[in-house]
Amino acid sequence: MRTICLLGASGNIGSQSLDVIEADPASFCLKAISVGHHVEKIPDILKRFPTIAFVAVQEYEDAEKLKVQYPNIKVY
């Protein structure tokens, strides 16, 4: 099993990568994502991939809100 850190998970290529990872859960474990400014996509991604432990976003304010919303995930 490969552990994946997906940078740009909210973009077109990132979305396609999420589909590939989701289609083969025996081969991939998604542990970390970055989404830049597209924090609105985080809830759906976290629902699809409960293995995510780390999330990176662009804005400090977004990170602070996410830390409260998802206390079990390390947000940067």
Protein backbone atom coordinates (compact mmCIF):
# COMPACT_ATOMS: atom_id res chain seq x y z
CA MET A 1 0.00 0.00 0.00
CA ARG A 2 1.25 3.46 -0.92
CA THR A 3 0.71 6.40 1.40
CA ILE A 4 -0.29 9.51 -0.57
CA CYS A 5 0.07 13.23 0.10
CA LEU A 6 -1.95 14.97 -2.61
CA LEU A 7 -1.03 18.59 -3.31
CA GLY A 8 -3.70 20.47 -5.22
CA ALA A 9 -6.50 18.08 -4.33
CA SER A 10 -9.16 20.64 -5.29
CA GLY A 11 -8.01 21.15 -8.88
CA ASN A 12 -8.84 19.14 -12.00
CA ILE A 13 -5.85 16.82 -11.81
CA GLY A 14 -6.28 16.52 -8.04
CA SER A 15 -9.94 15.54 -8.47
CA GLN A 16 -8.97 12.89 -11.00
CA SER A 17 -6.28 11.63 -8.63
CA LEU A 18 -8.86 11.35 -5.85
CA ASP A 19 -11.01 9.21 -8.15
CA VAL A 20 -8.07 6.89 -8.87
CA ILE A 21 -7.21 6.58 -5.17
CA GLU A 22 -10.84 5.92 -4.27
CA ALA A 23 -11.16 3.24 -6.97
CA ASP A 24 -8.28 1.21 -5.52
CA PRO A 25 -8.31 1.51 -1.71
CA ALA A 26 -6.19 -1.62 -1.31
CA SER A 27 -3.29 0.08 -3.09
CA PHE A 28 -3.51 3.65 -1.79
CA CYS A 29 -3.94 5.37 1.57
CA LEU A 30 -4.56 9.12 1.34
CA LYS A 31 -2.99 10.76 4.42
CA ALA A 32 -2.63 14.44 3.47
CA ILE A 33 -4.11 17.00 1.08
CA SER A 34 -3.69 20.64 0.19
CA VAL A 35 -6.47 22.70 -1.35
CA GLY A 36 -5.18 26.28 -1.46
CA HIS A 37 -8.18 28.63 -1.30
CA HIS A 38 -10.80 25.98 -2.14
CA VAL A 39 -11.72 25.09 1.45
CA GLU A 40 -15.32 24.44 0.42
CA LYS A 41 -14.16 21.13 -1.08
CA ILE A 42 -12.66 19.83 2.17
CA PRO A 43 -15.83 18.35 3.74
CA ASP A 44 -16.54 16.17 0.70
CA ILE A 45 -12.92 15.01 0.45
CA LEU A 46 -12.78 14.17 4.16
CA LYS A 47 -16.04 12.24 3.88
CA ARG A 48 -14.65 10.20 0.98
CA PHE A 49 -11.26 9.61 2.64
CA PRO A 50 -11.44 9.11 6.42
CA THR A 51 -7.71 8.23 6.44
CA ILE A 52 -6.73 11.90 5.95
CA ALA A 53 -4.77 13.18 8.95
CA PHE A 54 -3.29 16.40 7.52
CA VAL A 55 -4.80 19.29 5.54
CA ALA A 56 -3.02 22.38 4.21
CA VAL A 57 -4.82 25.56 3.14
CA GLN A 58 -3.67 28.96 1.89
CA GLU A 59 -5.22 31.34 4.43
CA TYR A 60 -4.53 31.40 8.16
CA GLU A 61 -8.16 32.26 8.95
CA ASP A 62 -9.39 29.22 7.04
CA ALA A 63 -6.94 27.01 8.92
CA GLU A 64 -8.16 28.29 12.28
CA LYS A 65 -11.79 27.58 11.39
CA LEU A 66 -10.92 24.09 10.15
CA LYS A 67 -8.99 23.30 13.34
CA VAL A 68 -12.17 23.88 15.32
CA GLN A 69 -14.38 22.04 12.83
CA TYR A 70 -12.04 19.02 12.54
CA PRO A 71 -10.15 18.67 15.84
CA ASN A 72 -8.74 15.22 14.94
CA ILE A 73 -7.01 16.52 11.81
CA LYS A 74 -3.79 18.53 11.80
CA VAL A 75 -4.44 21.68 9.75
CA TYR A 76 -1.70 23.89 8.32
